[in-house]
């Protein structure tokens, strides 16, 4: 049990399970709000280049992929609908930033390849995003940033391994990093 002091109720008992749930929920909210704020900050920075979030995320995902991705794979990678991805790819093709190539193994499948102009555009975008990233992370001490990065990477592991079947049982997820 913990004792909480508030203005309305000077002394209130709180059980540890509620406190843990509140911390979990607080963490989830902080993570979601930070990701949203980060995207908005990048969007504002890229707006002057006339680039939408879906466009810059598509170019980045296609450039960073080990091999050319299909439209469906790109849509899944950046979490947008396949219809939205088709529209985005159409625009990027029209602008000369990507091209569609038929797959050698399946002619129905189109792989998205970044053009030289698209690569140049990606590096421009990457540099603009790096400015935002440096501004946002400037307030975080290097040691804390390393710890936070490792923590987030650890949290991604059970999500990746679940393959869409839901999270593994809680007993299989261990905390490898202390929450400092």
N, C-alpha and C. Protein backbone atom coordinates (compact mmCIF):
# COMPACT_ATOMS: atom_id res chain seq x y z
N UNK A 1 0.82 -1.19 0.00
CA UNK A 1 0.00 0.00 0.00
C UNK A 1 0.86 1.25 0.00
N UNK A 2 0.36 2.29 -0.67
CA UNK A 2 1.00 3.59 -0.67
C UNK A 2 0.01 4.61 -0.13
N UNK A 3 0.54 5.67 0.41
CA UNK A 3 -0.32 6.76 0.87
C UNK A 3 -0.12 7.92 -0.07
N UNK A 4 -1.21 8.48 -0.56
CA UNK A 4 -1.17 9.60 -1.48
C UNK A 4 -1.73 10.83 -0.78
N UNK A 5 -1.06 11.96 -0.96
CA UNK A 5 -1.52 13.22 -0.41
C UNK A 5 -2.01 14.10 -1.54
N UNK A 6 -3.25 14.55 -1.45
CA UNK A 6 -3.80 15.46 -2.45
C UNK A 6 -4.49 16.61 -1.74
N UNK A 7 -4.81 17.65 -2.51
CA UNK A 7 -5.50 18.79 -1.91
C UNK A 7 -6.92 18.42 -1.47
N UNK A 8 -7.60 17.67 -2.30
CA UNK A 8 -9.00 17.33 -2.01
C UNK A 8 -9.11 16.33 -0.86
N UNK A 9 -8.22 15.36 -0.84
CA UNK A 9 -8.26 14.31 0.16
C UNK A 9 -6.85 14.19 0.74
N UNK A 10 -6.60 14.79 1.92
CA UNK A 10 -5.23 14.87 2.44
C UNK A 10 -4.50 13.53 2.52
N UNK A 11 -5.18 12.46 2.89
CA UNK A 11 -4.52 11.16 2.99
C UNK A 11 -5.42 10.12 2.33
N UNK A 12 -4.85 9.38 1.39
CA UNK A 12 -5.63 8.36 0.70
C UNK A 12 -4.74 7.14 0.46
N UNK A 13 -5.26 5.98 0.73
CA UNK A 13 -4.51 4.75 0.55
C UNK A 13 -4.67 4.28 -0.90
N UNK A 14 -3.57 3.85 -1.50
CA UNK A 14 -3.58 3.35 -2.87
C UNK A 14 -2.90 2.00 -2.86
N UNK A 15 -3.54 1.00 -3.48
CA UNK A 15 -2.85 -0.28 -3.52
C UNK A 15 -1.87 -0.30 -4.69
N UNK A 16 -0.83 -1.15 -4.57
CA UNK A 16 0.26 -1.17 -5.54
C UNK A 16 -0.21 -1.58 -6.92
N UNK A 17 -1.20 -2.44 -7.04
CA UNK A 17 -1.65 -2.89 -8.36
C UNK A 17 -2.26 -1.73 -9.14
N UNK A 18 -3.00 -0.86 -8.46
CA UNK A 18 -3.57 0.31 -9.14
C UNK A 18 -2.47 1.27 -9.58
N UNK A 19 -1.47 1.44 -8.71
CA UNK A 19 -0.36 2.32 -9.04
C UNK A 19 0.40 1.78 -10.25
N UNK A 20 0.61 0.47 -10.30
CA UNK A 20 1.30 -0.14 -11.45
C UNK A 20 0.49 0.06 -12.72
N UNK A 21 -0.83 -0.14 -12.64
CA UNK A 21 -1.69 0.05 -13.81
C UNK A 21 -1.62 1.51 -14.26
N UNK A 22 -1.68 2.43 -13.31
CA UNK A 22 -1.61 3.85 -13.66
C UNK A 22 -0.28 4.18 -14.33
N UNK A 23 0.81 3.59 -13.86
CA UNK A 23 2.12 3.83 -14.47
C UNK A 23 2.16 3.24 -15.88
N UNK A 24 1.62 2.04 -16.05
CA UNK A 24 1.56 1.42 -17.38
C UNK A 24 0.77 2.29 -18.35
N UNK A 25 -0.37 2.76 -17.88
CA UNK A 25 -1.22 3.60 -18.72
C UNK A 25 -0.53 4.94 -19.00
N UNK A 26 0.12 5.49 -18.00
CA UNK A 26 0.85 6.75 -18.18
C UNK A 26 1.96 6.57 -19.22
N UNK A 27 2.68 5.43 -19.14
CA UNK A 27 3.74 5.15 -20.11
C UNK A 27 3.16 5.05 -21.52
N UNK A 28 2.07 4.30 -21.65
CA UNK A 28 1.44 4.14 -22.97
C UNK A 28 1.01 5.50 -23.53
N UNK A 29 0.38 6.31 -22.72
CA UNK A 29 -0.04 7.64 -23.17
C UNK A 29 1.15 8.51 -23.55
N UNK A 30 2.20 8.47 -22.75
CA UNK A 30 3.40 9.27 -23.05
C UNK A 30 4.04 8.82 -24.35
N UNK A 31 4.10 7.51 -24.57
CA UNK A 31 4.69 6.98 -25.80
C UNK A 31 3.88 7.40 -27.01
N UNK A 32 2.57 7.24 -26.94
CA UNK A 32 1.69 7.60 -28.05
C UNK A 32 1.73 9.11 -28.33
N UNK A 33 1.66 9.91 -27.27
CA UNK A 33 1.68 11.37 -27.46
C UNK A 33 3.02 11.85 -27.99
N UNK A 34 4.10 11.23 -27.55
CA UNK A 34 5.43 11.60 -28.05
C UNK A 34 5.57 11.26 -29.52
N UNK A 35 5.11 10.07 -29.91
CA UNK A 35 5.18 9.67 -31.32
C UNK A 35 4.35 10.62 -32.19
N UNK A 36 3.18 10.99 -31.71
CA UNK A 36 2.32 11.92 -32.46
C UNK A 36 2.98 13.29 -32.57
N UNK A 37 3.51 13.79 -31.46
CA UNK A 37 4.18 15.10 -31.47
C UNK A 37 5.39 15.07 -32.39
N UNK A 38 6.12 13.97 -32.38
CA UNK A 38 7.29 13.83 -33.24
C UNK A 38 6.88 13.91 -34.70
N UNK A 39 5.83 13.15 -35.07
CA UNK A 39 5.35 13.18 -36.46
C UNK A 39 4.90 14.57 -36.87
N UNK A 40 4.19 15.25 -35.97
CA UNK A 40 3.72 16.61 -36.28
C UNK A 40 4.89 17.58 -36.46
N UNK A 41 5.92 17.44 -35.63
CA UNK A 41 7.09 18.32 -35.76
C UNK A 41 7.78 18.09 -37.10
N UNK A 42 7.91 16.83 -37.49
CA UNK A 42 8.52 16.52 -38.79
C UNK A 42 7.63 17.02 -39.91
N UNK A 43 6.31 16.82 -39.79
CA UNK A 43 5.37 17.31 -40.81
C UNK A 43 5.51 18.81 -41.01
N UNK A 44 5.59 19.56 -39.92
CA UNK A 44 5.73 21.02 -40.03
C UNK A 44 7.02 21.38 -40.76
N UNK A 45 8.08 20.67 -40.46
CA UNK A 45 9.38 20.94 -41.09
C UNK A 45 9.34 20.62 -42.59
N UNK A 46 8.68 19.53 -42.95
CA UNK A 46 8.66 19.10 -44.35
C UNK A 46 7.59 19.79 -45.18
N UNK A 47 6.64 20.42 -44.50
CA UNK A 47 5.56 21.10 -45.22
C UNK A 47 6.10 22.12 -46.22
N UNK A 48 7.19 22.79 -45.85
CA UNK A 48 7.75 23.80 -46.74
C UNK A 48 8.32 23.19 -48.02
N UNK A 49 8.59 21.88 -47.98
CA UNK A 49 9.05 21.18 -49.19
C UNK A 49 7.88 20.61 -49.99
N UNK A 50 6.67 20.78 -49.47
CA UNK A 50 5.49 20.25 -50.15
C UNK A 50 5.36 18.75 -50.05
N UNK A 51 5.86 18.17 -48.96
CA UNK A 51 5.87 16.72 -48.78
C UNK A 51 4.87 16.33 -47.70
N UNK A 52 4.02 15.37 -48.00
CA UNK A 52 3.09 14.86 -47.00
C UNK A 52 3.78 13.78 -46.17
N UNK A 53 3.20 13.45 -45.02
CA UNK A 53 3.74 12.41 -44.15
C UNK A 53 3.83 11.08 -44.88
N UNK A 54 2.77 10.72 -45.60
CA UNK A 54 2.77 9.43 -46.30
C UNK A 54 3.85 9.40 -47.37
N UNK A 55 4.05 10.52 -48.07
CA UNK A 55 5.09 10.56 -49.10
C UNK A 55 6.48 10.38 -48.50
N UNK A 56 6.80 11.14 -47.45
CA UNK A 56 8.15 11.02 -46.91
C UNK A 56 8.36 9.67 -46.25
N UNK A 57 7.33 9.11 -45.62
CA UNK A 57 7.48 7.79 -45.00
C UNK A 57 7.65 6.71 -46.07
N UNK A 58 6.95 6.87 -47.20
CA UNK A 58 7.06 5.90 -48.30
C UNK A 58 8.45 5.93 -48.91
N UNK A 59 8.94 7.13 -49.21
CA UNK A 59 10.29 7.27 -49.77
C UNK A 59 11.32 6.69 -48.81
N UNK A 60 11.19 7.01 -47.52
CA UNK A 60 12.14 6.51 -46.52
C UNK A 60 12.10 4.98 -46.43
N UNK A 61 10.89 4.42 -46.37
CA UNK A 61 10.76 2.96 -46.25
C UNK A 61 11.30 2.26 -47.50
N UNK A 62 11.00 2.80 -48.68
CA UNK A 62 11.48 2.18 -49.92
C UNK A 62 13.01 2.28 -50.03
N UNK A 63 13.56 3.37 -49.58
CA UNK A 63 15.01 3.57 -49.64
C UNK A 63 15.73 2.67 -48.64
N UNK A 64 15.17 2.51 -47.47
CA UNK A 64 15.83 1.76 -46.41
C UNK A 64 15.63 0.24 -46.52
N UNK A 65 14.73 -0.19 -47.39
CA UNK A 65 14.47 -1.63 -47.54
C UNK A 65 15.68 -2.32 -48.16
N UNK A 66 15.91 -3.55 -47.77
CA UNK A 66 17.05 -4.31 -48.30
C UNK A 66 16.87 -4.64 -49.78
N UNK A 67 15.62 -4.84 -50.18
CA UNK A 67 15.30 -5.10 -51.59
C UNK A 67 13.99 -4.37 -51.88
N UNK A 68 13.70 -4.12 -53.16
CA UNK A 68 12.46 -3.40 -53.49
C UNK A 68 11.22 -4.08 -52.91
N UNK A 69 10.34 -3.27 -52.32
CA UNK A 69 9.11 -3.77 -51.70
C UNK A 69 7.95 -3.63 -52.66
N UNK A 70 6.94 -4.46 -52.47
CA UNK A 70 5.69 -4.30 -53.22
C UNK A 70 4.90 -3.15 -52.60
N UNK A 71 3.90 -2.68 -53.32
CA UNK A 71 3.03 -1.63 -52.79
C UNK A 71 2.37 -2.09 -51.50
N UNK A 72 1.93 -3.34 -51.46
CA UNK A 72 1.29 -3.88 -50.26
C UNK A 72 2.25 -3.90 -49.08
N UNK A 73 3.49 -4.33 -49.33
CA UNK A 73 4.48 -4.35 -48.26
C UNK A 73 4.78 -2.95 -47.75
N UNK A 74 4.87 -1.98 -48.68
CA UNK A 74 5.10 -0.59 -48.26
C UNK A 74 3.94 -0.08 -47.42
N UNK A 75 2.72 -0.39 -47.85
CA UNK A 75 1.54 0.04 -47.09
C UNK A 75 1.58 -0.54 -45.68
N UNK A 76 1.91 -1.82 -45.57
CA UNK A 76 2.00 -2.46 -44.26
C UNK A 76 3.13 -1.85 -43.42
N UNK A 77 4.25 -1.56 -44.05
CA UNK A 77 5.41 -1.02 -43.35
C UNK A 77 5.11 0.32 -42.70
N UNK A 78 4.38 1.19 -43.41
CA UNK A 78 4.12 2.52 -42.84
C UNK A 78 2.69 2.64 -42.29
N UNK A 79 1.98 1.52 -42.24
CA UNK A 79 0.66 1.46 -41.61
C UNK A 79 -0.36 2.40 -42.25
N UNK A 80 -0.49 2.29 -43.58
CA UNK A 80 -1.55 3.01 -44.29
C UNK A 80 -2.32 1.99 -45.12
N UNK A 81 -3.48 2.39 -45.58
CA UNK A 81 -4.29 1.48 -46.40
C UNK A 81 -3.60 1.25 -47.74
N UNK A 82 -3.91 0.13 -48.34
CA UNK A 82 -3.33 -0.18 -49.66
C UNK A 82 -3.83 0.80 -50.71
N UNK A 83 -5.07 1.23 -50.59
CA UNK A 83 -5.61 2.22 -51.54
C UNK A 83 -4.85 3.54 -51.43
N UNK A 84 -4.57 3.95 -50.21
CA UNK A 84 -3.80 5.18 -50.00
C UNK A 84 -2.40 5.03 -50.57
N UNK A 85 -1.82 3.85 -50.42
CA UNK A 85 -0.47 3.62 -50.95
C UNK A 85 -0.46 3.68 -52.47
N UNK A 86 -1.48 3.13 -53.11
CA UNK A 86 -1.55 3.20 -54.58
C UNK A 86 -1.56 4.66 -55.03
N UNK A 87 -2.37 5.47 -54.38
CA UNK A 87 -2.45 6.90 -54.71
C UNK A 87 -1.10 7.58 -54.48
N UNK A 88 -0.45 7.26 -53.37
CA UNK A 88 0.85 7.85 -53.04
C UNK A 88 1.89 7.45 -54.08
N UNK A 89 1.93 6.17 -54.42
CA UNK A 89 2.90 5.68 -55.42
C UNK A 89 2.63 6.35 -56.76
N UNK A 90 1.36 6.49 -57.14
CA UNK A 90 1.03 7.19 -58.39
C UNK A 90 1.64 8.58 -58.41
N UNK A 91 1.49 9.31 -57.30
CA UNK A 91 2.06 10.66 -57.22
C UNK A 91 3.58 10.65 -57.29
N UNK A 92 4.19 9.71 -56.57
CA UNK A 92 5.65 9.63 -56.57
C UNK A 92 6.20 9.22 -57.95
N UNK A 93 5.49 8.35 -58.65
CA UNK A 93 5.88 7.98 -60.02
C UNK A 93 5.76 9.20 -60.93
N UNK A 94 4.65 9.91 -60.83
CA UNK A 94 4.44 11.12 -61.64
C UNK A 94 5.55 12.15 -61.39
N UNK A 95 6.02 12.25 -60.14
CA UNK A 95 7.08 13.20 -59.80
C UNK A 95 8.47 12.66 -60.12
N UNK A 96 8.54 11.41 -60.61
CA UNK A 96 9.83 10.83 -60.98
C UNK A 96 10.68 10.37 -59.81
N UNK A 97 10.05 10.18 -58.65
CA UNK A 97 10.81 9.80 -57.45
C UNK A 97 10.91 8.28 -57.26
N UNK A 98 9.93 7.55 -57.78
CA UNK A 98 9.97 6.08 -57.74
C UNK A 98 9.46 5.56 -59.08
N UNK A 99 9.70 4.27 -59.30
CA UNK A 99 9.13 3.62 -60.48
C UNK A 99 8.65 2.24 -60.06
N UNK A 100 7.68 1.75 -60.81
CA UNK A 100 7.17 0.40 -60.56
C UNK A 100 7.90 -0.56 -61.50
N UNK A 101 8.37 -1.67 -60.94
CA UNK A 101 9.01 -2.71 -61.75
C UNK A 101 8.31 -4.02 -61.49
N UNK A 102 8.12 -4.79 -62.54
CA UNK A 102 7.49 -6.11 -62.40
C UNK A 102 8.45 -7.06 -61.69
N UNK A 103 7.88 -7.91 -60.90
CA UNK A 103 8.66 -8.92 -60.19
C UNK A 103 9.05 -10.01 -61.18
N UNK A 104 10.26 -10.54 -61.05
CA UNK A 104 10.73 -11.61 -61.93
C UNK A 104 9.94 -12.89 -61.68
N UNK A 105 9.50 -13.10 -60.45
CA UNK A 105 8.81 -14.35 -60.10
C UNK A 105 7.29 -14.26 -60.28
N UNK A 106 6.72 -13.05 -60.27
CA UNK A 106 5.27 -12.89 -60.38
C UNK A 106 4.98 -11.57 -61.13
N UNK A 107 4.58 -11.69 -62.38
CA UNK A 107 4.37 -10.49 -63.21
C UNK A 107 3.27 -9.58 -62.66
N UNK A 108 2.36 -10.15 -61.87
CA UNK A 108 1.28 -9.32 -61.30
C UNK A 108 1.79 -8.41 -60.20
N UNK A 109 2.91 -8.78 -59.61
CA UNK A 109 3.46 -8.06 -58.47
C UNK A 109 4.36 -6.93 -58.96
N UNK A 110 4.11 -5.74 -58.46
CA UNK A 110 4.93 -4.58 -58.81
C UNK A 110 5.79 -4.20 -57.60
N UNK A 111 7.07 -4.10 -57.82
CA UNK A 111 7.99 -3.67 -56.78
C UNK A 111 8.27 -2.18 -56.99
N UNK A 112 8.45 -1.48 -55.89
CA UNK A 112 8.69 -0.03 -55.94
C UNK A 112 10.18 0.21 -55.80
N UNK A 113 10.74 0.89 -56.80
CA UNK A 113 12.17 1.19 -56.83
C UNK A 113 12.35 2.70 -56.80
N UNK A 114 13.22 3.17 -55.93
CA UNK A 114 13.49 4.60 -55.81
C UNK A 114 14.44 5.00 -56.94
N UNK A 115 14.10 6.06 -57.65
CA UNK A 115 14.93 6.57 -58.74
C UNK A 115 16.08 7.40 -58.18
N UNK A 116 16.99 7.82 -59.05
CA UNK A 116 18.08 8.70 -58.61
C UNK A 116 17.52 9.99 -58.03
N UNK A 117 16.50 10.54 -58.70
CA UNK A 117 15.87 11.76 -58.17
C UNK A 117 15.23 11.49 -56.81
N UNK A 118 14.64 10.30 -56.66
CA UNK A 118 14.05 9.91 -55.38
C UNK A 118 15.09 9.77 -54.29
N UNK A 119 16.27 9.24 -54.65
CA UNK A 119 17.36 9.12 -53.67
C UNK A 119 17.83 10.51 -53.24
N UNK A 120 17.98 11.42 -54.19
CA UNK A 120 18.37 12.79 -53.86
C UNK A 120 17.33 13.41 -52.92
N UNK A 121 16.07 13.19 -53.26
CA UNK A 121 14.97 13.72 -52.44
C UNK A 121 14.98 13.10 -51.05
N UNK A 122 15.26 11.79 -50.97
CA UNK A 122 15.34 11.10 -49.68
C UNK A 122 16.42 11.74 -48.79
N UNK A 123 17.59 12.00 -49.36
CA UNK A 123 18.68 12.58 -48.56
C UNK A 123 18.31 13.99 -48.09
N UNK A 124 17.60 14.74 -48.92
CA UNK A 124 17.12 16.06 -48.51
C UNK A 124 16.14 15.92 -47.35
N UNK A 125 15.20 15.00 -47.47
CA UNK A 125 14.22 14.76 -46.42
C UNK A 125 14.91 14.27 -45.14
N UNK A 126 15.84 13.34 -45.32
CA UNK A 126 16.56 12.78 -44.17
C UNK A 126 17.28 13.89 -43.39
N UNK A 127 17.88 14.81 -44.11
CA UNK A 127 18.57 15.92 -43.46
C UNK A 127 17.60 16.82 -42.71
N UNK A 128 16.42 17.08 -43.29
CA UNK A 128 15.41 17.90 -42.62
C UNK A 128 14.88 17.20 -41.37
N UNK A 129 14.66 15.91 -41.46
CA UNK A 129 14.19 15.13 -40.32
C UNK A 129 15.27 15.10 -39.23
N UNK A 130 16.53 15.03 -39.64
CA UNK A 130 17.63 15.02 -38.67
C UNK A 130 17.67 16.31 -37.86
N UNK A 131 17.33 17.43 -38.49
CA UNK A 131 17.29 18.71 -37.77
C UNK A 131 16.25 18.64 -36.65
N UNK A 132 15.06 18.14 -36.99
CA UNK A 132 13.99 18.00 -35.99
C UNK A 132 14.43 17.05 -34.89
N UNK A 133 15.01 15.92 -35.28
CA UNK A 133 15.44 14.93 -34.29
C UNK A 133 16.47 15.53 -33.33
N UNK A 134 17.45 16.25 -33.86
CA UNK A 134 18.46 16.86 -33.00
C UNK A 134 17.84 17.88 -32.05
N UNK A 135 16.89 18.67 -32.56
CA UNK A 135 16.23 19.66 -31.70
C UNK A 135 15.46 18.99 -30.58
N UNK A 136 14.74 17.92 -30.91
CA UNK A 136 13.92 17.24 -29.91
C UNK A 136 14.77 16.49 -28.88
N UNK A 137 15.86 15.88 -29.33
CA UNK A 137 16.67 15.06 -28.43
C UNK A 137 17.73 15.85 -27.68
N UNK A 138 17.87 17.12 -28.01
CA UNK A 138 18.88 17.97 -27.34
C UNK A 138 18.62 18.08 -25.84
N UNK A 139 17.40 17.89 -25.42
CA UNK A 139 17.07 18.03 -24.00
C UNK A 139 17.32 16.75 -23.21
N UNK A 140 17.71 15.66 -23.91
CA UNK A 140 17.91 14.37 -23.25
C UNK A 140 19.41 14.09 -23.14
N UNK A 141 19.84 13.73 -21.94
CA UNK A 141 21.24 13.37 -21.72
C UNK A 141 21.55 12.11 -22.52
N UNK A 142 22.77 12.02 -23.03
CA UNK A 142 23.18 10.91 -23.88
C UNK A 142 22.96 9.55 -23.21
N UNK A 143 23.31 9.43 -21.94
CA UNK A 143 23.15 8.16 -21.22
C UNK A 143 21.67 7.76 -21.13
N UNK A 144 20.82 8.72 -20.88
CA UNK A 144 19.38 8.43 -20.80
C UNK A 144 18.84 8.05 -22.17
N UNK A 145 19.35 8.68 -23.21
CA UNK A 145 18.90 8.36 -24.57
C UNK A 145 19.27 6.93 -24.93
N UNK A 146 20.47 6.50 -24.57
CA UNK A 146 20.89 5.12 -24.82
C UNK A 146 19.95 4.17 -24.08
N UNK A 147 19.68 4.45 -22.82
CA UNK A 147 18.80 3.59 -22.01
C UNK A 147 17.39 3.54 -22.60
N UNK A 148 16.86 4.69 -22.95
CA UNK A 148 15.51 4.75 -23.51
C UNK A 148 15.43 4.00 -24.84
N UNK A 149 16.43 4.17 -25.68
CA UNK A 149 16.46 3.47 -26.97
C UNK A 149 16.48 1.96 -26.75
N UNK A 150 17.31 1.49 -25.84
CA UNK A 150 17.37 0.05 -25.54
C UNK A 150 16.05 -0.45 -24.99
N UNK A 151 15.42 0.34 -24.14
CA UNK A 151 14.13 -0.04 -23.58
C UNK A 151 13.08 -0.18 -24.68
N UNK A 152 13.00 0.80 -25.56
CA UNK A 152 12.01 0.74 -26.65
C UNK A 152 12.29 -0.42 -27.59
N UNK A 153 13.55 -0.70 -27.87
CA UNK A 153 13.90 -1.86 -28.70
C UNK A 153 13.49 -3.16 -28.02
N UNK A 154 13.66 -3.23 -26.72
CA UNK A 154 13.23 -4.41 -25.96
C UNK A 154 11.73 -4.58 -26.02
N UNK A 155 10.99 -3.48 -25.91
CA UNK A 155 9.53 -3.55 -25.97
C UNK A 155 9.03 -3.98 -27.35
N UNK A 156 9.80 -3.72 -28.39
CA UNK A 156 9.40 -4.11 -29.73
C UNK A 156 9.53 -5.61 -29.96
N UNK A 157 10.42 -6.27 -29.26
CA UNK A 157 10.69 -7.69 -29.49
C UNK A 157 9.45 -8.58 -29.38
N UNK A 158 8.68 -8.51 -28.31
CA UNK A 158 7.50 -9.39 -28.25
C UNK A 158 6.44 -9.00 -29.29
N UNK A 159 6.43 -7.74 -29.69
CA UNK A 159 5.46 -7.32 -30.70
C UNK A 159 5.82 -7.87 -32.07
N UNK A 160 7.10 -7.91 -32.38
CA UNK A 160 7.56 -8.46 -33.66
C UNK A 160 7.38 -9.96 -33.71
N UNK A 161 7.69 -10.65 -32.62
CA UNK A 161 7.65 -12.11 -32.62
C UNK A 161 6.23 -12.66 -32.60
N UNK A 162 5.25 -11.82 -32.31
CA UNK A 162 3.88 -12.32 -32.22
C UNK A 162 3.27 -12.57 -33.58
N UNK A 163 3.80 -12.02 -34.65
CA UNK A 163 3.32 -12.24 -36.02
C UNK A 163 1.82 -12.07 -36.15
N UNK A 164 1.27 -11.08 -35.48
CA UNK A 164 -0.15 -10.81 -35.61
C UNK A 164 -1.04 -11.70 -34.78
N UNK A 165 -0.48 -12.61 -34.00
CA UNK A 165 -1.29 -13.52 -33.20
C UNK A 165 -1.51 -12.99 -31.80
N UNK A 166 -1.17 -11.76 -31.55
CA UNK A 166 -1.31 -11.20 -30.21
C UNK A 166 0.00 -11.34 -29.46
N UNK A 167 0.08 -10.71 -28.34
CA UNK A 167 1.30 -10.75 -27.54
C UNK A 167 1.45 -12.10 -26.87
N UNK A 168 2.70 -12.52 -26.64
CA UNK A 168 2.90 -13.77 -25.90
C UNK A 168 2.41 -13.61 -24.48
N UNK A 169 2.25 -14.73 -23.81
CA UNK A 169 1.80 -14.69 -22.41
C UNK A 169 2.77 -13.85 -21.61
N UNK A 170 2.27 -13.17 -20.60
CA UNK A 170 3.10 -12.29 -19.79
C UNK A 170 4.30 -13.00 -19.19
N UNK A 171 4.16 -14.27 -18.89
CA UNK A 171 5.26 -15.00 -18.28
C UNK A 171 6.45 -15.16 -19.22
N UNK A 172 6.23 -15.02 -20.54
CA UNK A 172 7.34 -15.16 -21.48
C UNK A 172 8.03 -13.85 -21.76
N UNK A 173 7.47 -12.75 -21.30
CA UNK A 173 8.09 -11.44 -21.50
C UNK A 173 8.83 -11.07 -20.23
N UNK A 174 10.14 -10.86 -20.35
CA UNK A 174 10.91 -10.49 -19.18
C UNK A 174 11.43 -9.09 -19.33
N UNK A 175 11.63 -8.44 -18.22
CA UNK A 175 12.21 -7.11 -18.22
C UNK A 175 13.71 -7.27 -18.18
N UNK A 176 14.36 -6.91 -19.28
CA UNK A 176 15.81 -7.00 -19.34
C UNK A 176 16.48 -5.72 -18.85
N UNK A 177 15.75 -4.64 -18.85
CA UNK A 177 16.31 -3.35 -18.48
C UNK A 177 15.59 -2.78 -17.28
N UNK A 178 16.33 -2.23 -16.34
CA UNK A 178 15.65 -1.57 -15.22
C UNK A 178 15.01 -0.28 -15.68
N UNK A 179 13.87 0.03 -15.14
CA UNK A 179 13.19 1.28 -15.47
C UNK A 179 13.71 2.35 -14.51
N UNK A 180 14.69 3.12 -14.97
CA UNK A 180 15.32 4.13 -14.11
C UNK A 180 14.77 5.49 -14.44
